[in-house]
Each structure stands twice: as C-alpha cells, then as structure tokens.
Amino acid sequence: MKKYIGIPIKPPERECEDKKCPWHGTLSVRGRVFQGEVKSAKSRRTVIVEWGYHRFVKKYERYERRKTRVTAHNPRCIRAKEGDKVVIAECRPLSKTKKFVVVGFQKDLER
C-alpha cells in the first residue's frame, strides 16, 4: 500500500515491510526536507547524508564553505548506496542520532 507522504516525489517501485518506512509503514514525516549525497552506507539500514552551503564571514567580507552531515534511516524499498543523490525528510527520533528518513532520489523529485 503506497500513500501520499506530503512531499511531491515518486514512490519507490519495491515493496517493504519496514515499520519505519514512510511509504509502507507507519512513520509520518514532518518538518524540514533536504537534498544531499550519501557519503556512507556501511551501517545496516542507515546512511550518512551530506550537503554543502556557503556562510558569510563578516570580518573578512567573504564566504566560507561548510557542510552538514546527518544520519538517516534507509528503508529496504529505497536502498540508497554511496554516491546517490537523495531526498531526506525530518521525522520523529528513530534512535539517538537518527531523526531523518530517506524518502527517495533527487531524480524522482517532481518539480
């Protein structure tokens, strides 16, 4: 059973029985949505997603590059690997460090 999760993105083709999946389980997504690249997928059903941004330094009147890394739940129906561009959404805390879930790939984002 696929449902609408409130984000304009195509649902995955595979099915899963993961309770922490926003498409096939009971997990609801709310809050912020980010796009980034999977840097590590070594943990079981967990990925580390990273994205960069620029921050202005007033003293030097220049911009510096920074990056954000967050851990996200990787449902079995999505199976993101290292190097994939993904979309993650905020959800309830799933563990000590996981507060995001992978909802799909950037190429599936409907603009």
PDB file of N, CA and C in Angstrom:
ATOM      1  N   MET A   1       0.843  -1.180   0.000  1.00  0.00           N
ATOM      2  CA  MET A   1       0.000   0.000   0.000  1.00  0.00           C
ATOM      3  C   MET A   1       0.889   1.243   0.000  1.00  0.00           C
ATOM      4  N   LYS A   2       0.809   2.024  -1.062  1.00  0.00           N
ATOM      5  CA  LYS A   2       1.558   3.266  -1.149  1.00  0.00           C
ATOM      6  C   LYS A   2       0.636   4.404  -0.766  1.00  0.00           C
ATOM      7  N   LYS A   3       1.187   5.387  -0.075  1.00  0.00           N
ATOM      8  CA  LYS A   3       0.376   6.506   0.366  1.00  0.00           C
ATOM      9  C   LYS A   3       1.074   7.806   0.018  1.00  0.00           C
ATOM     10  N   TYR A   4       0.353   8.895   0.096  1.00  0.00           N
ATOM     11  CA  TYR A   4       0.930  10.211  -0.151  1.00  0.00           C
ATOM     12  C   TYR A   4       1.533  10.705   1.156  1.00  0.00           C
ATOM     13  N   ILE A   5       2.829  11.072   1.141  1.00  0.00           N
ATOM     14  CA  ILE A   5       3.502  11.463   2.377  1.00  0.00           C
ATOM     15  C   ILE A   5       3.641  12.977   2.518  1.00  0.00           C
ATOM     16  N   GLY A   6       3.094  13.749   1.573  1.00  0.00           N
ATOM     17  CA  GLY A   6       3.142  15.200   1.674  1.00  0.00           C
ATOM     18  C   GLY A   6       4.321  15.833   0.961  1.00  0.00           C
ATOM     19  N   ILE A   7       5.121  15.037   0.253  1.00  0.00           N
ATOM     20  CA  ILE A   7       6.270  15.542  -0.495  1.00  0.00           C
ATOM     21  C   ILE A   7       6.068  15.155  -1.953  1.00  0.00           C
ATOM     22  N   PRO A   8       6.211  16.100  -2.882  1.00  0.00           N
ATOM     23  CA  PRO A   8       5.985  15.759  -4.296  1.00  0.00           C
ATOM     24  C   PRO A   8       7.137  14.932  -4.884  1.00  0.00           C
ATOM     25  N   ILE A   9       7.145  13.644  -4.585  1.00  0.00           N
ATOM     26  CA  ILE A   9       8.190  12.731  -5.046  1.00  0.00           C
ATOM     27  C   ILE A   9       7.540  11.407  -5.411  1.00  0.00           C
ATOM     28  N   LYS A  10       8.094  10.750  -6.435  1.00  0.00           N
ATOM     29  CA  LYS A  10       7.522   9.474  -6.863  1.00  0.00           C
ATOM     30  C   LYS A  10       7.796   8.397  -5.820  1.00  0.00           C
ATOM     31  N   PRO A  11       6.803   7.569  -5.501  1.00  0.00           N
ATOM     32  CA  PRO A  11       7.031   6.484  -4.542  1.00  0.00           C
ATOM     33  C   PRO A  11       7.929   5.407  -5.138  1.00  0.00           C
ATOM     34  N   PRO A  12       8.627   4.638  -4.299  1.00  0.00           N
ATOM     35  CA  PRO A  12       9.506   3.586  -4.817  1.00  0.00           C
ATOM     36  C   PRO A  12       8.701   2.439  -5.427  1.00  0.00           C
ATOM     37  N   GLU A  13       9.350   1.738  -6.387  1.00  0.00           N
ATOM     38  CA  GLU A  13       8.670   0.615  -7.044  1.00  0.00           C
ATOM     39  C   GLU A  13       8.627  -0.624  -6.166  1.00  0.00           C
ATOM     40  N   ARG A  14       9.649  -0.816  -5.332  1.00  0.00           N
ATOM     41  CA  ARG A  14       9.709  -2.003  -4.473  1.00  0.00           C
ATOM     42  C   ARG A  14       8.794  -1.851  -3.262  1.00  0.00           C
ATOM     43  N   GLU A  15       8.362  -2.975  -2.736  1.00  0.00           N
ATOM     44  CA  GLU A  15       7.565  -3.017  -1.508  1.00  0.00           C
ATOM     45  C   GLU A  15       8.473  -3.407  -0.348  1.00  0.00           C
ATOM     46  N   CYS A  16       8.088  -3.028   0.867  1.00  0.00           N
ATOM     47  CA  CYS A  16       8.839  -3.462   2.047  1.00  0.00           C
ATOM     48  C   CYS A  16       7.881  -3.578   3.232  1.00  0.00           C
ATOM     49  N   GLU A  17       8.324  -4.293   4.251  1.00  0.00           N
ATOM     50  CA  GLU A  17       7.531  -4.457   5.467  1.00  0.00           C
ATOM     51  C   GLU A  17       8.135  -3.671   6.629  1.00  0.00           C
ATOM     52  N   ASP A  18       8.943  -2.668   6.331  1.00  0.00           N
ATOM     53  CA  ASP A  18       9.622  -1.872   7.352  1.00  0.00           C
ATOM     54  C   ASP A  18       8.618  -0.933   8.035  1.00  0.00           C
ATOM     55  N   LYS A  19       8.487  -1.030   9.356  1.00  0.00           N
ATOM     56  CA  LYS A  19       7.568  -0.151  10.080  1.00  0.00           C
ATOM     57  C   LYS A  19       8.044   1.292  10.067  1.00  0.00           C
ATOM     58  N   LYS A  20       9.354   1.505   9.871  1.00  0.00           N
ATOM     59  CA  LYS A  20       9.913   2.853   9.865  1.00  0.00           C
ATOM     60  C   LYS A  20      10.014   3.429   8.452  1.00  0.00           C
ATOM     61  N   CYS A  21       9.283   2.872   7.518  1.00  0.00           N
ATOM     62  CA  CYS A  21       9.256   3.377   6.145  1.00  0.00           C
ATOM     63  C   CYS A  21       8.091   4.353   6.002  1.00  0.00           C
ATOM     64  N   PRO A  22       8.329   5.555   5.441  1.00  0.00           N
ATOM     65  CA  PRO A  22       7.207   6.494   5.294  1.00  0.00           C
ATOM     66  C   PRO A  22       6.214   6.065   4.220  1.00  0.00           C
ATOM     67  N   TRP A  23       6.625   5.226   3.277  1.00  0.00           N
ATOM     68  CA  TRP A  23       5.734   4.797   2.195  1.00  0.00           C
ATOM     69  C   TRP A  23       4.906   3.580   2.578  1.00  0.00           C
ATOM     70  N   HIS A  24       5.487   2.610   3.261  1.00  0.00           N
ATOM     71  CA  HIS A  24       4.794   1.341   3.528  1.00  0.00           C
ATOM     72  C   HIS A  24       4.564   1.078   5.014  1.00  0.00           C
ATOM     73  N   GLY A  25       5.137   1.892   5.880  1.00  0.00           N
ATOM     74  CA  GLY A  25       4.999   1.698   7.316  1.00  0.00           C
ATOM     75  C   GLY A  25       4.117   2.755   7.948  1.00  0.00           C
ATOM     76  N   THR A  26       4.359   2.986   9.231  1.00  0.00           N
ATOM     77  CA  THR A  26       3.529   3.928   9.977  1.00  0.00           C
ATOM     78  C   THR A  26       4.251   5.231  10.291  1.00  0.00           C
ATOM     79  N   LEU A  27       5.464   5.415   9.781  1.00  0.00           N
ATOM     80  CA  LEU A  27       6.251   6.610  10.092  1.00  0.00           C
ATOM     81  C   LEU A  27       5.713   7.811   9.333  1.00  0.00           C
ATOM     82  N   SER A  28       5.432   8.890  10.056  1.00  0.00           N
ATOM     83  CA  SER A  28       4.986  10.122   9.401  1.00  0.00           C
ATOM     84  C   SER A  28       6.162  11.091   9.323  1.00  0.00           C
ATOM     85  N   VAL A  29       6.218  11.839   8.226  1.00  0.00           N
ATOM     86  CA  VAL A  29       7.277  12.835   8.051  1.00  0.00           C
ATOM     87  C   VAL A  29       6.681  14.206   8.293  1.00  0.00           C
ATOM     88  N   ARG A  30       7.479  15.056   8.939  1.00  0.00           N
ATOM     89  CA  ARG A  30       7.059  16.429   9.200  1.00  0.00           C
ATOM     90  C   ARG A  30       8.312  17.251   9.350  1.00  0.00           C
ATOM     91  N   GLY A  31       8.180  18.538   9.193  1.00  0.00           N
ATOM     92  CA  GLY A  31       9.342  19.406   9.368  1.00  0.00           C
ATOM     93  C   GLY A  31      10.071  19.653   8.065  1.00  0.00           C
ATOM     94  N   ARG A  32      11.395  19.639   8.129  1.00  0.00           N
ATOM     95  CA  ARG A  32      12.221  20.069   7.016  1.00  0.00           C
ATOM     96  C   ARG A  32      12.563  18.929   6.055  1.00  0.00           C
ATOM     97  N   VAL A  33      12.813  19.304   4.808  1.00  0.00           N
ATOM     98  CA  VAL A  33      13.182  18.366   3.751  1.00  0.00           C
ATOM     99  C   VAL A  33      14.487  18.862   3.140  1.00  0.00           C
ATOM    100  N   PHE A  34      15.478  17.975   2.997  1.00  0.00           N
ATOM    101  CA  PHE A  34      16.779  18.338   2.454  1.00  0.00           C
ATOM    102  C   PHE A  34      17.146  17.420   1.308  1.00  0.00           C
ATOM    103  N   GLN A  35      18.082  17.905   0.468  1.00  0.00           N
ATOM    104  CA  GLN A  35      18.640  17.101  -0.609  1.00  0.00           C
ATOM    105  C   GLN A  35      20.137  17.028  -0.384  1.00  0.00           C
ATOM    106  N   GLY A  36      20.711  15.841  -0.544  1.00  0.00           N
ATOM    107  CA  GLY A  36      22.140  15.690  -0.333  1.00  0.00           C
ATOM    108  C   GLY A  36      22.659  14.426  -0.979  1.00  0.00           C
ATOM    109  N   GLU A  37      23.926  14.147  -0.722  1.00  0.00           N
ATOM    110  CA  GLU A  37      24.592  12.979  -1.294  1.00  0.00           C
ATOM    111  C   GLU A  37      24.915  11.993  -0.186  1.00  0.00           C
ATOM    112  N   VAL A  38      24.714  10.712  -0.463  1.00  0.00           N
ATOM    113  CA  VAL A  38      25.027   9.674   0.509  1.00  0.00           C
ATOM    114  C   VAL A  38      26.540   9.507   0.545  1.00  0.00           C
ATOM    115  N   LYS A  39      27.140   9.739   1.713  1.00  0.00           N
ATOM    116  CA  LYS A  39      28.585   9.609   1.873  1.00  0.00           C
ATOM    117  C   LYS A  39      28.972   8.248   2.432  1.00  0.00           C
ATOM    118  N   SER A  40      28.103   7.631   3.214  1.00  0.00           N
ATOM    119  CA  SER A  40      28.406   6.331   3.794  1.00  0.00           C
ATOM    120  C   SER A  40      27.120   5.530   3.924  1.00  0.00           C
ATOM    121  N   ALA A  41      27.197   4.270   3.534  1.00  0.00           N
ATOM    122  CA  ALA A  41      26.051   3.368   3.662  1.00  0.00           C
ATOM    123  C   ALA A  41      26.506   2.066   4.297  1.00  0.00           C
ATOM    124  N   LYS A  42      27.486   2.130   5.193  1.00  0.00           N
ATOM    125  CA  LYS A  42      28.066   0.926   5.786  1.00  0.00           C
ATOM    126  C   LYS A  42      27.200   0.333   6.890  1.00  0.00           C
ATOM    127  N   SER A  43      26.458   1.163   7.602  1.00  0.00           N
ATOM    128  CA  SER A  43      25.607   0.661   8.679  1.00  0.00           C
ATOM    129  C   SER A  43      24.354   0.002   8.111  1.00  0.00           C
ATOM    130  N   ARG A  44      23.752  -0.841   8.919  1.00  0.00           N
ATOM    131  CA  ARG A  44      22.542  -1.543   8.493  1.00  0.00           C
ATOM    132  C   ARG A  44      21.350  -0.589   8.518  1.00  0.00           C
ATOM    133  N   ARG A  45      20.744  -0.382   7.369  1.00  0.00           N
ATOM    134  CA  ARG A  45      19.574   0.486   7.193  1.00  0.00           C
ATOM    135  C   ARG A  45      19.812   1.924   7.655  1.00  0.00           C
ATOM    136  N   THR A  46      21.057   2.366   7.597  1.00  0.00           N
ATOM    137  CA  THR A  46      21.405   3.737   7.966  1.00  0.00           C
ATOM    138  C   THR A  46      22.369   4.292   6.933  1.00  0.00           C
ATOM    139  N   VAL A  47      22.153   5.545   6.547  1.00  0.00           N
ATOM    140  CA  VAL A  47      23.081   6.221   5.644  1.00  0.00           C
ATOM    141  C   VAL A  47      23.471   7.563   6.255  1.00  0.00           C
ATOM    142  N   ILE A  48      24.647   8.048   5.871  1.00  0.00           N
ATOM    143  CA  ILE A  48      25.079   9.379   6.259  1.00  0.00           C
ATOM    144  C   ILE A  48      24.965  10.257   5.028  1.00  0.00           C
ATOM    145  N   VAL A  49      24.159  11.313   5.136  1.00  0.00           N
ATOM    146  CA  VAL A  49      23.891  12.216   4.019  1.00  0.00           C
ATOM    147  C   VAL A  49      24.586  13.544   4.295  1.00  0.00           C
ATOM    148  N   GLU A  50      25.217  14.091   3.251  1.00  0.00           N
ATOM    149  CA  GLU A  50      25.981  15.332   3.403  1.00  0.00           C
ATOM    150  C   GLU A  50      25.578  16.314   2.310  1.00  0.00           C
ATOM    151  N   TRP A  51      25.493  17.590   2.676  1.00  0.00           N
ATOM    152  CA  TRP A  51      25.275  18.638   1.682  1.00  0.00           C
ATOM    153  C   TRP A  51      26.065  19.872   2.116  1.00  0.00           C
ATOM    154  N   GLY A  52      26.475  20.660   1.139  1.00  0.00           N
ATOM    155  CA  GLY A  52      27.305  21.828   1.406  1.00  0.00           C
ATOM    156  C   GLY A  52      26.525  23.128   1.272  1.00  0.00           C
ATOM    157  N   TYR A  53      27.072  24.175   1.890  1.00  0.00           N
ATOM    158  CA  TYR A  53      26.483  25.505   1.803  1.00  0.00           C
ATOM    159  C   TYR A  53      27.583  26.537   2.040  1.00  0.00           C
ATOM    160  N   HIS A  54      27.263  27.798   1.789  1.00  0.00           N
ATOM    161  CA  HIS A  54      28.214  28.885   1.999  1.00  0.00           C
ATOM    162  C   HIS A  54      27.732  29.764   3.147  1.00  0.00           C
ATOM    163  N   ARG A  55      28.684  30.207   3.986  1.00  0.00           N
ATOM    164  CA  ARG A  55      28.369  31.072   5.124  1.00  0.00           C
ATOM    165  C   ARG A  55      29.209  32.332   5.001  1.00  0.00           C
ATOM    166  N   PHE A  56      28.587  33.481   5.146  1.00  0.00           N
ATOM    167  CA  PHE A  56      29.287  34.758   5.039  1.00  0.00           C
ATOM    168  C   PHE A  56      30.022  35.070   6.330  1.00  0.00           C
ATOM    169  N   VAL A  57      31.314  35.432   6.223  1.00  0.00           N
ATOM    170  CA  VAL A  57      32.129  35.839   7.365  1.00  0.00           C
ATOM    171  C   VAL A  57      32.256  37.360   7.292  1.00  0.00           C
ATOM    172  N   LYS A  58      31.617  38.039   8.245  1.00  0.00           N
ATOM    173  CA  LYS A  58      31.531  39.492   8.190  1.00  0.00           C
ATOM    174  C   LYS A  58      32.907  40.156   8.309  1.00  0.00           C
ATOM    175  N   LYS A  59      33.775  39.618   9.146  1.00  0.00           N
ATOM    176  CA  LYS A  59      35.093  40.222   9.380  1.00  0.00           C
ATOM    177  C   LYS A  59      35.915  40.302   8.091  1.00  0.00           C
ATOM    178  N   TYR A  60      35.871  39.236   7.309  1.00  0.00           N
ATOM    179  CA  TYR A  60      36.682  39.185   6.087  1.00  0.00           C
ATOM    180  C   TYR A  60      35.886  39.500   4.821  1.00  0.00           C
ATOM    181  N   GLU A  61      34.593  39.731   4.959  1.00  0.00           N
ATOM    182  CA  GLU A  61      33.698  40.045   3.850  1.00  0.00           C
ATOM    183  C   GLU A  61      33.814  39.012   2.726  1.00  0.00           C
ATOM    184  N   ARG A  62      33.853  37.761   3.126  1.00  0.00           N
ATOM    185  CA  ARG A  62      33.958  36.662   2.185  1.00  0.00           C
ATOM    186  C   ARG A  62      33.052  35.514   2.643  1.00  0.00           C
ATOM    187  N   TYR A  63      32.913  34.553   1.772  1.00  0.00           N
ATOM    188  CA  TYR A  63      32.129  33.366   2.095  1.00  0.00           C
ATOM    189  C   TYR A  63      33.063  32.201   2.375  1.00  0.00           C
ATOM    190  N   GLU A  64      32.640  31.330   3.298  1.00  0.00           N
ATOM    191  CA  GLU A  64      33.383  30.104   3.552  1.00  0.00           C
ATOM    192  C   GLU A  64      32.482  28.923   3.249  1.00  0.00           C
ATOM    193  N   ARG A  65      33.113  27.827   2.823  1.00  0.00           N
ATOM    194  CA  ARG A  65      32.350  26.616   2.537  1.00  0.00           C
ATOM    195  C   ARG A  65      32.176  25.811   3.809  1.00  0.00           C
ATOM    196  N   ARG A  66      30.971  25.319   4.001  1.00  0.00           N
ATOM    197  CA  ARG A  66      30.681  24.456   5.141  1.00  0.00           C
ATOM    198  C   ARG A  66      29.866  23.273   4.642  1.00  0.00           C
ATOM    199  N   LYS A  67      29.738  22.261   5.504  1.00  0.00           N
ATOM    200  CA  LYS A  67      28.932  21.106   5.135  1.00  0.00           C
ATOM    201  C   LYS A  67      28.182  20.605   6.360  1.00  0.00           C
ATOM    202  N   THR A  68      27.081  19.952   6.089  1.00  0.00           N
ATOM    203  CA  THR A  68      26.259  19.351   7.125  1.00  0.00           C
ATOM    204  C   THR A  68      26.174  17.863   6.852  1.00  0.00           C
ATOM    205  N   ARG A  69      26.368  17.063   7.886  1.00  0.00           N
ATOM    206  CA  ARG A  69      26.249  15.602   7.780  1.00  0.00           C
ATOM    207  C   ARG A  69      25.222  15.130   8.794  1.00  0.00           C
ATOM    208  N   VAL A  70      24.234  14.381   8.325  1.00  0.00           N
ATOM    209  CA  VAL A  70      23.223  13.819   9.221  1.00  0.00           C
ATOM    210  C   VAL A  70      23.057  12.338   8.918  1.00  0.00           C
ATOM    211  N   THR A  71      22.651  11.585   9.930  1.00  0.00           N
ATOM    212  CA  THR A  71      22.331  10.177   9.720  1.00  0.00           C
ATOM    213  C   THR A  71      20.838  10.063   9.424  1.00  0.00           C
ATOM    214  N   ALA A  72      20.502   9.158   8.521  1.00  0.00           N
ATOM    215  CA  ALA A  72      19.109   8.982   8.115  1.00  0.00           C
ATOM    216  C   ALA A  72      18.809   7.500   7.965  1.00  0.00           C
ATOM    217  N   HIS A  73      17.553   7.150   8.222  1.00  0.00           N
ATOM    218  CA  HIS A  73      17.105   5.765   8.055  1.00  0.00           C
ATOM    219  C   HIS A  73      16.963   5.477   6.562  1.00  0.00           C
ATOM    220  N   ASN A  74      17.429   4.322   6.136  1.00  0.00           N
ATOM    221  CA  ASN A  74      17.400   3.915   4.733  1.00  0.00           C
ATOM    222  C   ASN A  74      16.467   2.713   4.591  1.00  0.00           C
ATOM    223  N   PRO A  75      15.190   2.920   4.230  1.00  0.00           N
ATOM    224  CA  PRO A  75      14.259   1.789   4.130  1.00  0.00           C
ATOM    225  C   PRO A  75      14.680   0.787   3.068  1.00  0.00           C
ATOM    226  N   ARG A  76      14.216  -0.446   3.217  1.00  0.00           N
ATOM    227  CA  ARG A  76      14.578  -1.517   2.280  1.00  0.00           C
ATOM    228  C   ARG A  76      14.042  -1.266   0.884  1.00  0.00           C
ATOM    229  N   CYS A  77      12.936  -0.552   0.753  1.00  0.00           N
ATOM    230  CA  CYS A  77      12.364  -0.313  -0.577  1.00  0.00           C
ATOM    231  C   CYS A  77      13.158   0.731  -1.352  1.00  0.00           C
ATOM    232  N   ILE A  78      13.981   1.524  -0.686  1.00  0.00           N
ATOM    233  CA  ILE A  78      14.766   2.560  -1.370  1.00  0.00           C
ATOM    234  C   ILE A  78      16.201   2.103  -1.590  1.00  0.00           C
ATOM    235  N   ARG A  79      16.863   1.579  -0.576  1.00  0.00           N
ATOM    236  CA  ARG A  79      18.221   1.032  -0.674  1.00  0.00           C
ATOM    237  C   ARG A  79      19.199   2.001  -1.328  1.00  0.00           C
ATOM    238  N   ALA A  80      19.384   3.169  -0.743  1.00  0.00           N
ATOM    239  CA  ALA A  80      20.344   4.143  -1.273  1.00  0.00           C
ATOM    240  C   ALA A  80      21.765   3.660  -1.011  1.00  0.00           C
ATOM    241  N   LYS A  81      22.647   3.900  -1.986  1.00  0.00           N
ATOM    242  CA  LYS A  81      24.043   3.493  -1.877  1.00  0.00           C
ATOM    243  C   LYS A  81      24.934   4.730  -1.851  1.00  0.00           C
ATOM    244  N   GLU A  82      26.220   4.535  -1.583  1.00  0.00           N
ATOM    245  CA  GLU A  82      27.170   5.643  -1.571  1.00  0.00           C
ATOM    246  C   GLU A  82      27.191   6.330  -2.919  1.00  0.00           C
ATOM    247  N   GLY A  83      27.185   7.657  -2.896  1.00  0.00           N
ATOM    248  CA  GLY A  83      27.223   8.449  -4.121  1.00  0.00           C
ATOM    249  C   GLY A  83      25.860   8.820  -4.661  1.00  0.00           C
ATOM    250  N   ASP A  84      24.773   8.233  -4.153  1.00  0.00           N
ATOM    251  CA  ASP A  84      23.429   8.562  -4.627  1.00  0.00           C
ATOM    252  C   ASP A  84      23.013   9.936  -4.127  1.00  0.00           C
ATOM    253  N   LYS A  85      22.298  10.683  -4.966  1.00  0.00           N
ATOM    254  CA  LYS A  85      21.700  11.958  -4.568  1.00  0.00           C
ATOM    255  C   LYS A  85      20.294  11.642  -4.066  1.00  0.00           C
ATOM    256  N   VAL A  86      20.030  11.952  -2.798  1.00  0.00           N
ATOM    257  CA  VAL A  86      18.768  11.552  -2.184  1.00  0.00           C
ATOM    258  C   VAL A  86      18.035  12.753  -1.592  1.00  0.00           C
ATOM    259  N   VAL A  87      16.763  12.526  -1.284  1.00  0.00           N
ATOM    260  CA  VAL A  87      15.923  13.493  -0.577  1.00  0.00           C
ATOM    261  C   VAL A  87      15.611  12.879   0.778  1.00  0.00           C
ATOM    262  N   ILE A  88      15.879  13.645   1.853  1.00  0.00           N
ATOM    263  CA  ILE A  88      15.579  13.163   3.202  1.00  0.00           C
ATOM    264  C   ILE A  88      14.570  14.092   3.850  1.00  0.00           C
ATOM    265  N   ALA A  89      13.752  13.536   4.715  1.00  0.00           N
ATOM    266  CA  ALA A  89      12.723  14.306   5.400  1.00  0.00           C
ATOM    267  C   ALA A  89      12.834  14.082   6.898  1.00  0.00           C
ATOM    268  N   GLU A  90      12.493  15.090   7.657  1.00  0.00           N
ATOM    269  CA  GLU A  90      12.544  15.002   9.117  1.00  0.00           C
ATOM    270  C   GLU A  90      11.378  14.163   9.623  1.00  0.00           C
ATOM    271  N   CYS A  91      11.625  13.420  10.678  1.00  0.00           N
ATOM    272  CA  CYS A  91      10.592  12.582  11.282  1.00  0.00           C
ATOM    273  C   CYS A  91      10.839  12.539  12.790  1.00  0.00           C
ATOM    274  N   ARG A  92      10.100  11.708  13.480  1.00  0.00           N
ATOM    275  CA  ARG A  92      10.316  11.564  14.916  1.00  0.00           C
ATOM    276  C   ARG A  92      11.680  10.917  15.143  1.00  0.00           C
ATOM    277  N   PRO A  93      12.271  11.048  16.340  1.00  0.00           N
ATOM    278  CA  PRO A  93      13.562  10.395  16.586  1.00  0.00           C
ATOM    279  C   PRO A  93      13.442   8.874  16.483  1.00  0.00           C
ATOM    280  N   LEU A  94      14.290   8.280  15.613  1.00  0.00           N
ATOM    281  CA  LEU A  94      14.287   6.834  15.421  1.00  0.00           C
ATOM    282  C   LEU A  94      15.344   6.163  16.282  1.00  0.00           C
ATOM    283  N   SER A  95      16.377   6.904  16.650  1.00  0.00           N
ATOM    284  CA  SER A  95      17.416   6.410  17.544  1.00  0.00           C
ATOM    285  C   SER A  95      18.110   7.637  18.140  1.00  0.00           C
ATOM    286  N   LYS A  96      19.249   7.421  18.767  1.00  0.00           N
ATOM    287  CA  LYS A  96      19.958   8.531  19.402  1.00  0.00           C
ATOM    288  C   LYS A  96      20.348   9.612  18.389  1.00  0.00           C
ATOM    289  N   THR A  97      20.774   9.213  17.200  1.00  0.00           N
ATOM    290  CA  THR A  97      21.248  10.192  16.217  1.00  0.00           C
ATOM    291  C   THR A  97      20.369  10.303  14.979  1.00  0.00           C
ATOM    292  N   LYS A  98      19.459   9.356  14.743  1.00  0.00           N
ATOM    293  CA  LYS A  98      18.649   9.375  13.522  1.00  0.00           C
ATOM    294  C   LYS A  98      17.331  10.093  13.747  1.00  0.00           C
ATOM    295  N   LYS A  99      17.168  11.214  13.020  1.00  0.00           N
ATOM    296  CA  LYS A  99      15.922  11.963  13.065  1.00  0.00           C
ATOM    297  C   LYS A  99      15.423  12.285  11.666  1.00  0.00           C
ATOM    298  N   PHE A 100      16.006  11.617  10.666  1.00  0.00           N
ATOM    299  CA  PHE A 100      15.628  11.802   9.272  1.00  0.00           C
ATOM    300  C   PHE A 100      15.430  10.437   8.630  1.00  0.00           C
ATOM    301  N   VAL A 101      14.689  10.434   7.510  1.00  0.00           N
ATOM    302  CA  VAL A 101      14.452   9.206   6.757  1.00  0.00           C
ATOM    303  C   VAL A 101      14.596   9.533   5.275  1.00  0.00           C
ATOM    304  N   VAL A 102      15.190   8.604   4.515  1.00  0.00           N
ATOM    305  CA  VAL A 102      15.327   8.774   3.071  1.00  0.00           C
ATOM    306  C   VAL A 102      13.966   8.503   2.439  1.00  0.00           C
ATOM    307  N   VAL A 103      13.445   9.473   1.669  1.00  0.00           N
ATOM    308  CA  VAL A 103      12.130   9.296   1.049  1.00  0.00           C
ATOM    309  C   VAL A 103      12.227   9.033  -0.446  1.00  0.00           C
ATOM    310  N   GLY A 104      13.405   9.257  -1.047  1.00  0.00           N
ATOM    311  CA  GLY A 104      13.552   8.981  -2.471  1.00  0.00           C
ATOM    312  C   GLY A 104      14.840   9.567  -3.016  1.00  0.00           C
ATOM    313  N   PHE A 105      14.935   9.536  -4.342  1.00  0.00           N
ATOM    314  CA  PHE A 105      16.108  10.052  -5.031  1.00  0.00           C
ATOM    315  C   PHE A 105      15.789  11.403  -5.653  1.00  0.00           C
ATOM    316  N   GLN A 106      16.809  12.243  -5.857  1.00  0.00           N
ATOM    317  CA  GLN A 106      16.599  13.579  -6.413  1.00  0.00           C
ATOM    318  C   GLN A 106      15.998  13.518  -7.813  1.00  0.00           C
ATOM    319  N   LYS A 107      16.359  12.499  -8.591  1.00  0.00           N
ATOM    320  CA  LYS A 107      15.839  12.401  -9.954  1.00  0.00           C
ATOM    321  C   LYS A 107      14.326  12.153  -9.964  1.00  0.00           C
ATOM    322  N   ASP A 108      13.770  11.621  -8.867  1.00  0.00           N
ATOM    323  CA  ASP A 108      12.332  11.340  -8.782  1.00  0.00           C
ATOM    324  C   ASP A 108      11.533  12.519  -8.234  1.00  0.00           C
ATOM    325  N   LEU A 109      12.219  13.599  -7.869  1.00  0.00           N
ATOM    326  CA  LEU A 109      11.553  14.775  -7.310  1.00  0.00           C
ATOM    327  C   LEU A 109      10.750  15.460  -8.416  1.00  0.00           C
ATOM    328  N   GLU A 110       9.468  15.662  -8.197  1.00  0.00           N
ATOM    329  CA  GLU A 110       8.604  16.308  -9.179  1.00  0.00           C
ATOM    330  C   GLU A 110       8.669  17.810  -8.954  1.00  0.00           C
ATOM    331  N   ARG A 111       9.122  18.513  -9.974  1.00  0.00           N
ATOM    332  CA  ARG A 111       9.291  19.971  -9.832  1.00  0.00           C
ATOM    333  C   ARG A 111       8.170  20.702 -10.494  1.00  0.00           C
TER     334      ARG A 111
END
